């Protein structure tokens, strides 16, 4: 039996974005806009701060690390309501 809370995507994104804004590594414009679940792991997506050619910038690493942080923090606690 899982101890995870079943949650809607929008509710989870609200929690995730609150964590982002409270994090020391927060950058203006950093936001999770999508979440999916694969094999019990929550995968967050959003602004990756790519340049005009679609290539990563220095802020891209910060965004990637933030989405990874969210996965580590929230995957043990939540599972998405099946669509």
PDB file of N, CA and C in Angstrom:
ATOM      1  N   UNK A   1       0.849  -1.198   0.000  1.00  0.00           N
ATOM      2  CA  UNK A   1       0.000   0.000   0.000  1.00  0.00           C
ATOM      3  C   UNK A   1       0.880   1.242   0.000  1.00  0.00           C
ATOM      4  N   UNK A   2       0.557   2.175  -0.865  1.00  0.00           N
ATOM      5  CA  UNK A   2       1.341   3.390  -1.006  1.00  0.00           C
ATOM      6  C   UNK A   2       0.880   4.446  -0.007  1.00  0.00           C
ATOM      7  N   UNK A   3       1.832   5.223   0.486  1.00  0.00           N
ATOM      8  CA  UNK A   3       1.525   6.331   1.380  1.00  0.00           C
ATOM      9  C   UNK A   3       1.429   7.643   0.612  1.00  0.00           C
ATOM     10  N   UNK A   4       1.403   7.559  -0.714  1.00  0.00           N
ATOM     11  CA  UNK A   4       1.349   8.756  -1.535  1.00  0.00           C
ATOM     12  C   UNK A   4      -0.069   9.325  -1.585  1.00  0.00           C
ATOM     13  N   UNK A   5      -0.148  10.635  -1.655  1.00  0.00           N
ATOM     14  CA  UNK A   5      -1.418  11.323  -1.820  1.00  0.00           C
ATOM     15  C   UNK A   5      -1.742  11.407  -3.302  1.00  0.00           C
ATOM     16  N   UNK A   6      -2.958  11.028  -3.664  1.00  0.00           N
ATOM     17  CA  UNK A   6      -3.407  11.139  -5.052  1.00  0.00           C
ATOM     18  C   UNK A   6      -3.818  12.591  -5.288  1.00  0.00           C
ATOM     19  N   UNK A   7      -3.307  13.172  -6.385  1.00  0.00           N
ATOM     20  CA  UNK A   7      -3.495  14.604  -6.600  1.00  0.00           C
ATOM     21  C   UNK A   7      -3.726  14.902  -8.082  1.00  0.00           C
ATOM     22  N   UNK A   8      -4.472  15.961  -8.357  1.00  0.00           N
ATOM     23  CA  UNK A   8      -4.698  16.419  -9.730  1.00  0.00           C
ATOM     24  C   UNK A   8      -3.463  17.177 -10.224  1.00  0.00           C
ATOM     25  N   UNK A   9      -3.228  17.140 -11.526  1.00  0.00           N
ATOM     26  CA  UNK A   9      -2.069  17.823 -12.117  1.00  0.00           C
ATOM     27  C   UNK A   9      -1.999  19.293 -11.719  1.00  0.00           C
ATOM     28  N   UNK A  10      -3.119  20.006 -11.858  1.00  0.00           N
ATOM     29  CA  UNK A  10      -3.111  21.443 -11.559  1.00  0.00           C
ATOM     30  C   UNK A  10      -2.761  21.722 -10.106  1.00  0.00           C
ATOM     31  N   UNK A  11      -3.258  20.903  -9.190  1.00  0.00           N
ATOM     32  CA  UNK A  11      -2.944  21.084  -7.775  1.00  0.00           C
ATOM     33  C   UNK A  11      -1.466  20.822  -7.518  1.00  0.00           C
ATOM     34  N   UNK A  12      -0.931  19.802  -8.158  1.00  0.00           N
ATOM     35  CA  UNK A  12       0.479  19.492  -7.985  1.00  0.00           C
ATOM     36  C   UNK A  12       1.356  20.596  -8.580  1.00  0.00           C
ATOM     37  N   UNK A  13       0.963  21.132  -9.717  1.00  0.00           N
ATOM     38  CA  UNK A  13       1.730  22.237 -10.312  1.00  0.00           C
ATOM     39  C   UNK A  13       1.721  23.466  -9.408  1.00  0.00           C
ATOM     40  N   UNK A  14       0.617  23.723  -8.715  1.00  0.00           N
ATOM     41  CA  UNK A  14       0.576  24.847  -7.774  1.00  0.00           C
ATOM     42  C   UNK A  14       1.588  24.631  -6.644  1.00  0.00           C
ATOM     43  N   UNK A  15       1.647  23.423  -6.107  1.00  0.00           N
ATOM     44  CA  UNK A  15       2.609  23.094  -5.049  1.00  0.00           C
ATOM     45  C   UNK A  15       4.035  23.228  -5.586  1.00  0.00           C
ATOM     46  N   UNK A  16       4.271  22.676  -6.776  1.00  0.00           N
ATOM     47  CA  UNK A  16       5.608  22.722  -7.374  1.00  0.00           C
ATOM     48  C   UNK A  16       6.066  24.157  -7.586  1.00  0.00           C
ATOM     49  N   UNK A  17       5.201  24.995  -8.096  1.00  0.00           N
ATOM     50  CA  UNK A  17       5.581  26.376  -8.357  1.00  0.00           C
ATOM     51  C   UNK A  17       5.811  27.165  -7.076  1.00  0.00           C
ATOM     52  N   UNK A  18       5.120  26.804  -6.020  1.00  0.00           N
ATOM     53  CA  UNK A  18       5.387  27.417  -4.709  1.00  0.00           C
ATOM     54  C   UNK A  18       6.791  27.034  -4.242  1.00  0.00           C
ATOM     55  N   UNK A  19       7.147  25.754  -4.386  1.00  0.00           N
ATOM     56  CA  UNK A  19       8.491  25.302  -4.008  1.00  0.00           C
ATOM     57  C   UNK A  19       9.566  26.013  -4.841  1.00  0.00           C
ATOM     58  N   UNK A  20       9.300  26.194  -6.129  1.00  0.00           N
ATOM     59  CA  UNK A  20      10.260  26.880  -7.001  1.00  0.00           C
ATOM     60  C   UNK A  20      10.498  28.299  -6.498  1.00  0.00           C
ATOM     61  N   UNK A  21       9.418  29.017  -6.226  1.00  0.00           N
ATOM     62  CA  UNK A  21       9.553  30.413  -5.805  1.00  0.00           C
ATOM     63  C   UNK A  21      10.250  30.556  -4.461  1.00  0.00           C
ATOM     64  N   UNK A  22      10.127  29.559  -3.605  1.00  0.00           N
ATOM     65  CA  UNK A  22      10.756  29.607  -2.283  1.00  0.00           C
ATOM     66  C   UNK A  22      12.207  29.135  -2.304  1.00  0.00           C
ATOM     67  N   UNK A  23      12.642  28.526  -3.406  1.00  0.00           N
ATOM     68  CA  UNK A  23      13.983  27.940  -3.500  1.00  0.00           C
ATOM     69  C   UNK A  23      15.045  29.017  -3.702  1.00  0.00           C
ATOM     70  N   UNK A  24      16.221  28.808  -3.126  1.00  0.00           N
ATOM     71  CA  UNK A  24      17.333  29.764  -3.251  1.00  0.00           C
ATOM     72  C   UNK A  24      17.784  29.937  -4.696  1.00  0.00           C
ATOM     73  N   UNK A  25      17.597  28.921  -5.527  1.00  0.00           N
ATOM     74  CA  UNK A  25      18.055  28.965  -6.921  1.00  0.00           C
ATOM     75  C   UNK A  25      16.982  29.503  -7.873  1.00  0.00           C
ATOM     76  N   UNK A  26      15.903  30.073  -7.322  1.00  0.00           N
ATOM     77  CA  UNK A  26      14.817  30.593  -8.160  1.00  0.00           C
ATOM     78  C   UNK A  26      15.326  31.689  -9.090  1.00  0.00           C
ATOM     79  N   UNK A  27      14.925  31.609 -10.358  1.00  0.00           N
ATOM     80  CA  UNK A  27      15.200  32.641 -11.349  1.00  0.00           C
ATOM     81  C   UNK A  27      13.876  33.207 -11.845  1.00  0.00           C
ATOM     82  N   UNK A  28      13.846  34.498 -12.127  1.00  0.00           N
ATOM     83  CA  UNK A  28      12.649  35.134 -12.672  1.00  0.00           C
ATOM     84  C   UNK A  28      12.182  34.371 -13.916  1.00  0.00           C
ATOM     85  N   UNK A  29      10.919  34.004 -13.953  1.00  0.00           N
ATOM     86  CA  UNK A  29      10.367  33.280 -15.092  1.00  0.00           C
ATOM     87  C   UNK A  29      10.408  31.765 -14.953  1.00  0.00           C
ATOM     88  N   UNK A  30      11.068  31.263 -13.912  1.00  0.00           N
ATOM     89  CA  UNK A  30      11.154  29.814 -13.696  1.00  0.00           C
ATOM     90  C   UNK A  30       9.802  29.315 -13.210  1.00  0.00           C
ATOM     91  N   UNK A  31       9.247  28.346 -13.939  1.00  0.00           N
ATOM     92  CA  UNK A  31       7.908  27.861 -13.617  1.00  0.00           C
ATOM     93  C   UNK A  31       7.690  26.472 -14.220  1.00  0.00           C
ATOM     94  N   UNK A  32       7.060  25.603 -13.443  1.00  0.00           N
ATOM     95  CA  UNK A  32       6.649  24.295 -13.959  1.00  0.00           C
ATOM     96  C   UNK A  32       5.289  24.467 -14.619  1.00  0.00           C
ATOM     97  N   UNK A  33       5.179  24.040 -15.872  1.00  0.00           N
ATOM     98  CA  UNK A  33       3.928  24.197 -16.606  1.00  0.00           C
ATOM     99  C   UNK A  33       3.277  22.858 -16.945  1.00  0.00           C
ATOM    100  N   UNK A  34       4.024  21.772 -16.758  1.00  0.00           N
ATOM    101  CA  UNK A  34       3.511  20.442 -17.101  1.00  0.00           C
ATOM    102  C   UNK A  34       4.131  19.421 -16.156  1.00  0.00           C
ATOM    103  N   UNK A  35       3.375  18.375 -15.859  1.00  0.00           N
ATOM    104  CA  UNK A  35       3.892  17.269 -15.051  1.00  0.00           C
ATOM    105  C   UNK A  35       3.274  15.980 -15.566  1.00  0.00           C
ATOM    106  N   UNK A  36       4.082  14.944 -15.605  1.00  0.00           N
ATOM    107  CA  UNK A  36       3.585  13.611 -15.927  1.00  0.00           C
ATOM    108  C   UNK A  36       4.256  12.640 -14.969  1.00  0.00           C
ATOM    109  N   UNK A  37       3.749  11.434 -14.926  1.00  0.00           N
ATOM    110  CA  UNK A  37       4.289  10.425 -14.016  1.00  0.00           C
ATOM    111  C   UNK A  37       4.676   9.197 -14.814  1.00  0.00           C
ATOM    112  N   UNK A  38       5.921   8.758 -14.589  1.00  0.00           N
ATOM    113  CA  UNK A  38       6.417   7.528 -15.233  1.00  0.00           C
ATOM    114  C   UNK A  38       7.045   6.643 -14.173  1.00  0.00           C
ATOM    115  N   UNK A  39       6.520   5.455 -14.046  1.00  0.00           N
ATOM    116  CA  UNK A  39       7.048   4.473 -13.084  1.00  0.00           C
ATOM    117  C   UNK A  39       7.200   5.059 -11.684  1.00  0.00           C
ATOM    118  N   UNK A  40       6.203   5.831 -11.273  1.00  0.00           N
ATOM    119  CA  UNK A  40       6.206   6.384  -9.923  1.00  0.00           C
ATOM    120  C   UNK A  40       7.037   7.637  -9.745  1.00  0.00           C
ATOM    121  N   UNK A  41       7.639   8.134 -10.809  1.00  0.00           N
ATOM    122  CA  UNK A  41       8.453   9.352 -10.736  1.00  0.00           C
ATOM    123  C   UNK A  41       7.718  10.479 -11.446  1.00  0.00           C
ATOM    124  N   UNK A  42       7.600  11.606 -10.762  1.00  0.00           N
ATOM    125  CA  UNK A  42       6.972  12.785 -11.350  1.00  0.00           C
ATOM    126  C   UNK A  42       8.004  13.533 -12.179  1.00  0.00           C
ATOM    127  N   UNK A  43       7.646  13.862 -13.406  1.00  0.00           N
ATOM    128  CA  UNK A  43       8.553  14.551 -14.324  1.00  0.00           C
ATOM    129  C   UNK A  43       7.950  15.917 -14.620  1.00  0.00           C
ATOM    130  N   UNK A  44       8.676  16.958 -14.209  1.00  0.00           N
ATOM    131  CA  UNK A  44       8.215  18.324 -14.374  1.00  0.00           C
ATOM    132  C   UNK A  44       8.872  18.952 -15.589  1.00  0.00           C
ATOM    133  N   UNK A  45       8.090  19.801 -16.286  1.00  0.00           N
ATOM    134  CA  UNK A  45       8.585  20.500 -17.465  1.00  0.00           C
ATOM    135  C   UNK A  45       8.144  21.948 -17.380  1.00  0.00           C
ATOM    136  N   UNK A  46       8.860  22.795 -18.097  1.00  0.00           N
ATOM    137  CA  UNK A  46       8.509  24.212 -18.127  1.00  0.00           C
ATOM    138  C   UNK A  46       9.535  24.983 -18.928  1.00  0.00           C
ATOM    139  N   UNK A  47       9.717  26.245 -18.581  1.00  0.00           N
ATOM    140  CA  UNK A  47      10.661  27.122 -19.263  1.00  0.00           C
ATOM    141  C   UNK A  47      12.090  26.632 -19.033  1.00  0.00           C
ATOM    142  N   UNK A  48      12.813  26.417 -20.136  1.00  0.00           N
ATOM    143  CA  UNK A  48      14.201  25.950 -20.030  1.00  0.00           C
ATOM    144  C   UNK A  48      15.208  27.030 -20.390  1.00  0.00           C
ATOM    145  N   UNK A  49      14.734  28.267 -20.631  1.00  0.00           N
ATOM    146  CA  UNK A  49      15.629  29.394 -20.889  1.00  0.00           C
ATOM    147  C   UNK A  49      16.576  29.123 -22.058  1.00  0.00           C
ATOM    148  N   UNK A  50      16.023  28.650 -23.168  1.00  0.00           N
ATOM    149  CA  UNK A  50      16.822  28.394 -24.363  1.00  0.00           C
ATOM    150  C   UNK A  50      17.049  29.710 -25.111  1.00  0.00           C
ATOM    151  N   UNK A  51      18.116  29.766 -25.901  1.00  0.00           N
ATOM    152  CA  UNK A  51      18.388  30.977 -26.677  1.00  0.00           C
ATOM    153  C   UNK A  51      17.539  30.989 -27.947  1.00  0.00           C
ATOM    154  N   UNK A  52      17.721  32.006 -28.767  1.00  0.00           N
ATOM    155  CA  UNK A  52      16.890  32.169 -29.965  1.00  0.00           C
ATOM    156  C   UNK A  52      17.054  31.033 -30.963  1.00  0.00           C
ATOM    157  N   UNK A  53      18.147  30.279 -30.851  1.00  0.00           N
ATOM    158  CA  UNK A  53      18.357  29.124 -31.730  1.00  0.00           C
ATOM    159  C   UNK A  53      17.893  27.817 -31.088  1.00  0.00           C
ATOM    160  N   UNK A  54      17.336  27.915 -29.891  1.00  0.00           N
ATOM    161  CA  UNK A  54      16.859  26.725 -29.201  1.00  0.00           C
ATOM    162  C   UNK A  54      17.943  25.973 -28.447  1.00  0.00           C
ATOM    163  N   UNK A  55      19.077  26.648 -28.239  1.00  0.00           N
ATOM    164  CA  UNK A  55      20.187  26.028 -27.522  1.00  0.00           C
ATOM    165  C   UNK A  55      20.166  26.427 -26.048  1.00  0.00           C
ATOM    166  N   UNK A  56      20.688  25.569 -25.175  1.00  0.00           N
ATOM    167  CA  UNK A  56      20.696  25.881 -23.746  1.00  0.00           C
ATOM    168  C   UNK A  56      21.543  27.114 -23.428  1.00  0.00           C
ATOM    169  N   UNK A  57      21.118  27.836 -22.397  1.00  0.00           N
ATOM    170  CA  UNK A  57      21.874  28.966 -21.860  1.00  0.00           C
ATOM    171  C   UNK A  57      22.359  28.593 -20.461  1.00  0.00           C
ATOM    172  N   UNK A  58      23.042  29.512 -19.816  1.00  0.00           N
ATOM    173  CA  UNK A  58      23.515  29.252 -18.455  1.00  0.00           C
ATOM    174  C   UNK A  58      22.340  28.992 -17.504  1.00  0.00           C
ATOM    175  N   UNK A  59      21.196  29.610 -17.780  1.00  0.00           N
ATOM    176  CA  UNK A  59      20.024  29.409 -16.930  1.00  0.00           C
ATOM    177  C   UNK A  59      19.322  28.072 -17.196  1.00  0.00           C
ATOM    178  N   UNK A  60      19.616  27.448 -18.326  1.00  0.00           N
ATOM    179  CA  UNK A  60      18.998  26.156 -18.643  1.00  0.00           C
ATOM    180  C   UNK A  60      19.375  25.101 -17.612  1.00  0.00           C
ATOM    181  N   UNK A  61      20.624  25.110 -17.177  1.00  0.00           N
ATOM    182  CA  UNK A  61      21.078  24.154 -16.163  1.00  0.00           C
ATOM    183  C   UNK A  61      20.320  24.366 -14.857  1.00  0.00           C
ATOM    184  N   UNK A  62      20.114  25.619 -14.479  1.00  0.00           N
ATOM    185  CA  UNK A  62      19.377  25.926 -13.252  1.00  0.00           C
ATOM    186  C   UNK A  62      17.945  25.405 -13.347  1.00  0.00           C
ATOM    187  N   UNK A  63      17.319  25.568 -14.513  1.00  0.00           N
ATOM    188  CA  UNK A  63      15.945  25.089 -14.698  1.00  0.00           C
ATOM    189  C   UNK A  63      15.906  23.565 -14.625  1.00  0.00           C
ATOM    190  N   UNK A  64      16.828  22.901 -15.310  1.00  0.00           N
ATOM    191  CA  UNK A  64      16.889  21.441 -15.273  1.00  0.00           C
ATOM    192  C   UNK A  64      17.051  20.956 -13.831  1.00  0.00           C
ATOM    193  N   UNK A  65      17.964  21.579 -13.107  1.00  0.00           N
ATOM    194  CA  UNK A  65      18.210  21.179 -11.718  1.00  0.00           C
ATOM    195  C   UNK A  65      16.988  21.411 -10.836  1.00  0.00           C
ATOM    196  N   UNK A  66      16.239  22.476 -11.114  1.00  0.00           N
ATOM    197  CA  UNK A  66      15.036  22.752 -10.332  1.00  0.00           C
ATOM    198  C   UNK A  66      13.979  21.682 -10.591  1.00  0.00           C
ATOM    199  N   UNK A  67      13.790  21.284 -11.852  1.00  0.00           N
ATOM    200  CA  UNK A  67      12.805  20.254 -12.159  1.00  0.00           C
ATOM    201  C   UNK A  67      13.221  18.917 -11.549  1.00  0.00           C
ATOM    202  N   UNK A  68      14.509  18.652 -11.518  1.00  0.00           N
ATOM    203  CA  UNK A  68      15.028  17.438 -10.868  1.00  0.00           C
ATOM    204  C   UNK A  68      14.757  17.494  -9.356  1.00  0.00           C
ATOM    205  N   UNK A  69      14.986  18.662  -8.769  1.00  0.00           N
ATOM    206  CA  UNK A  69      14.710  18.873  -7.343  1.00  0.00           C
ATOM    207  C   UNK A  69      13.230  18.582  -7.038  1.00  0.00           C
ATOM    208  N   UNK A  70      12.338  19.098  -7.891  1.00  0.00           N
ATOM    209  CA  UNK A  70      10.909  18.855  -7.685  1.00  0.00           C
ATOM    210  C   UNK A  70      10.587  17.362  -7.739  1.00  0.00           C
ATOM    211  N   UNK A  71      11.176  16.659  -8.688  1.00  0.00           N
ATOM    212  CA  UNK A  71      10.950  15.214  -8.800  1.00  0.00           C
ATOM    213  C   UNK A  71      11.372  14.500  -7.523  1.00  0.00           C
ATOM    214  N   UNK A  72      12.533  14.877  -6.988  1.00  0.00           N
ATOM    215  CA  UNK A  72      13.031  14.235  -5.762  1.00  0.00           C
ATOM    216  C   UNK A  72      12.164  14.572  -4.555  1.00  0.00           C
ATOM    217  N   UNK A  73      11.685  15.810  -4.478  1.00  0.00           N
ATOM    218  CA  UNK A  73      10.891  16.239  -3.334  1.00  0.00           C
ATOM    219  C   UNK A  73       9.455  15.714  -3.376  1.00  0.00           C
ATOM    220  N   UNK A  74       8.855  15.701  -4.554  1.00  0.00           N
ATOM    221  CA  UNK A  74       7.420  15.441  -4.638  1.00  0.00           C
ATOM    222  C   UNK A  74       7.049  14.013  -5.043  1.00  0.00           C
ATOM    223  N   UNK A  75       7.929  13.298  -5.750  1.00  0.00           N
ATOM    224  CA  UNK A  75       7.601  11.924  -6.165  1.00  0.00           C
ATOM    225  C   UNK A  75       7.303  10.993  -4.990  1.00  0.00           C
ATOM    226  N   UNK A  76       8.035  11.091  -3.874  1.00  0.00           N
ATOM    227  CA  UNK A  76       7.718  10.192  -2.750  1.00  0.00           C
ATOM    228  C   UNK A  76       6.383  10.516  -2.068  1.00  0.00           C
ATOM    229  N   UNK A  77       5.865  11.732  -2.295  1.00  0.00           N
ATOM    230  CA  UNK A  77       4.677  12.189  -1.574  1.00  0.00           C
ATOM    231  C   UNK A  77       3.386  12.098  -2.378  1.00  0.00           C
ATOM    232  N   UNK A  78       3.486  12.206  -3.718  1.00  0.00           N
ATOM    233  CA  UNK A  78       2.289  12.335  -4.529  1.00  0.00           C
ATOM    234  C   UNK A  78       2.270  11.372  -5.716  1.00  0.00           C
ATOM    235  N   UNK A  79       1.059  11.045  -6.139  1.00  0.00           N
ATOM    236  CA  UNK A  79       0.832  10.321  -7.379  1.00  0.00           C
ATOM    237  C   UNK A  79      -0.319  11.011  -8.099  1.00  0.00           C
ATOM    238  N   UNK A  80      -0.226  11.094  -9.421  1.00  0.00           N
ATOM    239  CA  UNK A  80      -1.236  11.812 -10.188  1.00  0.00           C
ATOM    240  C   UNK A  80      -2.524  10.995 -10.324  1.00  0.00           C
ATOM    241  N   UNK A  81      -3.645  11.706 -10.346  1.00  0.00           N
ATOM    242  CA  UNK A  81      -4.923  11.081 -10.643  1.00  0.00           C
ATOM    243  C   UNK A  81      -4.828  10.568 -12.087  1.00  0.00           C
ATOM    244  N   UNK A  82      -5.125   9.304 -12.332  1.00  0.00           N
ATOM    245  CA  UNK A  82      -5.062   8.783 -13.709  1.00  0.00           C
ATOM    246  C   UNK A  82      -6.015   9.552 -14.628  1.00  0.00           C
ATOM    247  N   UNK A  83      -5.558   9.809 -15.843  1.00  0.00           N
ATOM    248  CA  UNK A  83      -6.402  10.546 -16.804  1.00  0.00           C
ATOM    249  C   UNK A  83      -7.297   9.612 -17.558  1.00  0.00           C
TER     250      UNK A  83
END
